[in-house]
Amino acid sequence: MARQLAALGNNVNQLAKRVNQIEFADKDTQERISGDLTRALNGLGEIWRQLT
């Protein structure tokens, strides 16, 4: 399970990095997507803390 959570966290980080590189989306859209990804990453971190 720890390996799967780490993989999910890595995927979210990669998505966040990609969102910051997108030039065709307007700034508001980028910020909303980035916020969603940040919340997802924080949620994964909370799950990890509860498991350890």
N, C-alpha and C. Protein backbone atom coordinates (compact mmCIF):
# COMPACT_ATOMS: atom_id res chain seq x y z
N MET A 1 0.83 -1.19 0.00
CA MET A 1 0.00 0.00 0.00
C MET A 1 0.88 1.26 0.00
N ALA A 2 1.98 1.22 0.75
CA ALA A 2 2.87 2.37 0.79
C ALA A 2 3.43 2.66 -0.59
N ARG A 3 3.78 1.62 -1.31
CA ARG A 3 4.32 1.81 -2.66
C ARG A 3 3.27 2.43 -3.59
N GLN A 4 2.03 2.00 -3.44
CA GLN A 4 0.96 2.55 -4.27
C GLN A 4 0.69 4.01 -3.94
N LEU A 5 0.71 4.36 -2.65
CA LEU A 5 0.53 5.76 -2.27
C LEU A 5 1.67 6.62 -2.80
N ALA A 6 2.89 6.10 -2.73
CA ALA A 6 4.03 6.84 -3.26
C ALA A 6 3.89 7.05 -4.76
N ALA A 7 3.44 6.02 -5.46
CA ALA A 7 3.25 6.14 -6.91
C ALA A 7 2.18 7.17 -7.23
N LEU A 8 1.09 7.16 -6.47
CA LEU A 8 0.03 8.16 -6.68
C LEU A 8 0.56 9.57 -6.42
N GLY A 9 1.34 9.71 -5.36
CA GLY A 9 1.94 11.01 -5.05
C GLY A 9 2.85 11.48 -6.17
N ASN A 10 3.63 10.57 -6.71
CA ASN A 10 4.51 10.92 -7.83
C ASN A 10 3.70 11.36 -9.04
N ASN A 11 2.61 10.64 -9.31
CA ASN A 11 1.76 11.01 -10.44
C ASN A 11 1.15 12.39 -10.26
N VAL A 12 0.70 12.69 -9.05
CA VAL A 12 0.12 14.01 -8.78
C VAL A 12 1.18 15.09 -8.96
N ASN A 13 2.40 14.82 -8.48
CA ASN A 13 3.48 15.80 -8.65
C ASN A 13 3.78 16.03 -10.13
N GLN A 14 3.80 14.97 -10.91
CA GLN A 14 4.05 15.10 -12.35
C GLN A 14 2.95 15.90 -13.03
N LEU A 15 1.71 15.65 -12.62
CA LEU A 15 0.59 16.41 -13.18
C LEU A 15 0.69 17.89 -12.81
N ALA A 16 1.04 18.17 -11.56
CA ALA A 16 1.18 19.56 -11.13
C ALA A 16 2.27 20.27 -11.93
N LYS A 17 3.37 19.58 -12.14
CA LYS A 17 4.46 20.17 -12.92
C LYS A 17 3.99 20.47 -14.34
N ARG A 18 3.26 19.54 -14.92
CA ARG A 18 2.77 19.72 -16.30
C ARG A 18 1.78 20.88 -16.39
N VAL A 19 0.91 20.98 -15.39
CA VAL A 19 -0.07 22.08 -15.38
C VAL A 19 0.66 23.42 -15.39
N ASN A 20 1.74 23.52 -14.64
CA ASN A 20 2.49 24.77 -14.59
C ASN A 20 3.18 25.09 -15.91
N GLN A 21 3.33 24.09 -16.77
CA GLN A 21 3.99 24.30 -18.06
C GLN A 21 3.00 24.57 -19.19
N ILE A 22 1.73 24.35 -18.95
CA ILE A 22 0.72 24.53 -20.00
C ILE A 22 0.58 26.01 -20.32
N GLU A 23 0.68 26.32 -21.58
CA GLU A 23 0.57 27.72 -22.00
C GLU A 23 -0.76 28.02 -22.67
N PHE A 24 -1.50 26.99 -23.07
CA PHE A 24 -2.76 27.26 -23.77
C PHE A 24 -3.92 27.50 -22.82
N ALA A 25 -3.80 27.11 -21.57
CA ALA A 25 -4.87 27.34 -20.60
C ALA A 25 -4.69 28.73 -19.97
N ASP A 26 -5.79 29.38 -19.67
CA ASP A 26 -5.66 30.68 -19.04
C ASP A 26 -5.22 30.52 -17.58
N LYS A 27 -4.77 31.60 -17.01
CA LYS A 27 -4.19 31.59 -15.66
C LYS A 27 -5.18 31.05 -14.63
N ASP A 28 -6.44 31.44 -14.73
CA ASP A 28 -7.46 30.99 -13.78
C ASP A 28 -7.61 29.47 -13.83
N THR A 29 -7.65 28.92 -15.03
CA THR A 29 -7.77 27.47 -15.19
C THR A 29 -6.56 26.76 -14.62
N GLN A 30 -5.37 27.29 -14.89
CA GLN A 30 -4.16 26.70 -14.34
C GLN A 30 -4.19 26.70 -12.81
N GLU A 31 -4.63 27.80 -12.24
CA GLU A 31 -4.68 27.90 -10.78
C GLU A 31 -5.69 26.93 -10.18
N ARG A 32 -6.83 26.77 -10.82
CA ARG A 32 -7.84 25.82 -10.31
C ARG A 32 -7.33 24.39 -10.38
N ILE A 33 -6.72 24.03 -11.50
CA ILE A 33 -6.19 22.66 -11.63
C ILE A 33 -5.06 22.45 -10.64
N SER A 34 -4.19 23.42 -10.51
CA SER A 34 -3.09 23.31 -9.56
C SER A 34 -3.62 23.15 -8.13
N GLY A 35 -4.66 23.89 -7.79
CA GLY A 35 -5.26 23.77 -6.46
C GLY A 35 -5.85 22.38 -6.24
N ASP A 36 -6.51 21.86 -7.25
CA ASP A 36 -7.08 20.51 -7.15
C ASP A 36 -5.98 19.48 -6.93
N LEU A 37 -4.90 19.61 -7.67
CA LEU A 37 -3.79 18.67 -7.53
C LEU A 37 -3.13 18.80 -6.16
N THR A 38 -3.00 20.01 -5.67
CA THR A 38 -2.42 20.22 -4.34
C THR A 38 -3.29 19.57 -3.28
N ARG A 39 -4.60 19.72 -3.39
CA ARG A 39 -5.51 19.09 -2.43
C ARG A 39 -5.41 17.57 -2.51
N ALA A 40 -5.28 17.04 -3.71
CA ALA A 40 -5.13 15.58 -3.87
C ALA A 40 -3.84 15.11 -3.21
N LEU A 41 -2.76 15.84 -3.42
CA LEU A 41 -1.49 15.46 -2.82
C LEU A 41 -1.55 15.56 -1.30
N ASN A 42 -2.20 16.59 -0.80
CA ASN A 42 -2.37 16.72 0.65
C ASN A 42 -3.22 15.58 1.21
N GLY A 43 -4.23 15.18 0.48
CA GLY A 43 -5.06 14.05 0.90
C GLY A 43 -4.26 12.76 0.96
N LEU A 44 -3.41 12.54 -0.03
CA LEU A 44 -2.55 11.36 0.00
C LEU A 44 -1.61 11.40 1.21
N GLY A 45 -1.09 12.58 1.49
CA GLY A 45 -0.22 12.73 2.67
C GLY A 45 -0.96 12.42 3.95
N GLU A 46 -2.20 12.85 4.05
CA GLU A 46 -3.00 12.57 5.25
C GLU A 46 -3.26 11.08 5.39
N ILE A 47 -3.58 10.42 4.29
CA ILE A 47 -3.76 8.96 4.33
C ILE A 47 -2.49 8.29 4.82
N TRP A 48 -1.36 8.73 4.29
CA TRP A 48 -0.07 8.15 4.69
C TRP A 48 0.16 8.34 6.19
N ARG A 49 -0.10 9.55 6.70
CA ARG A 49 0.09 9.82 8.14
C ARG A 49 -0.79 8.92 8.98
N GLN A 50 -2.01 8.66 8.53
CA GLN A 50 -2.92 7.82 9.30
C GLN A 50 -2.47 6.35 9.30
N LEU A 51 -1.79 5.96 8.24
CA LEU A 51 -1.33 4.57 8.15
C LEU A 51 -0.04 4.31 8.91
N THR A 52 0.71 5.37 9.18
CA THR A 52 2.00 5.17 9.85
C THR A 52 1.94 5.57 11.30
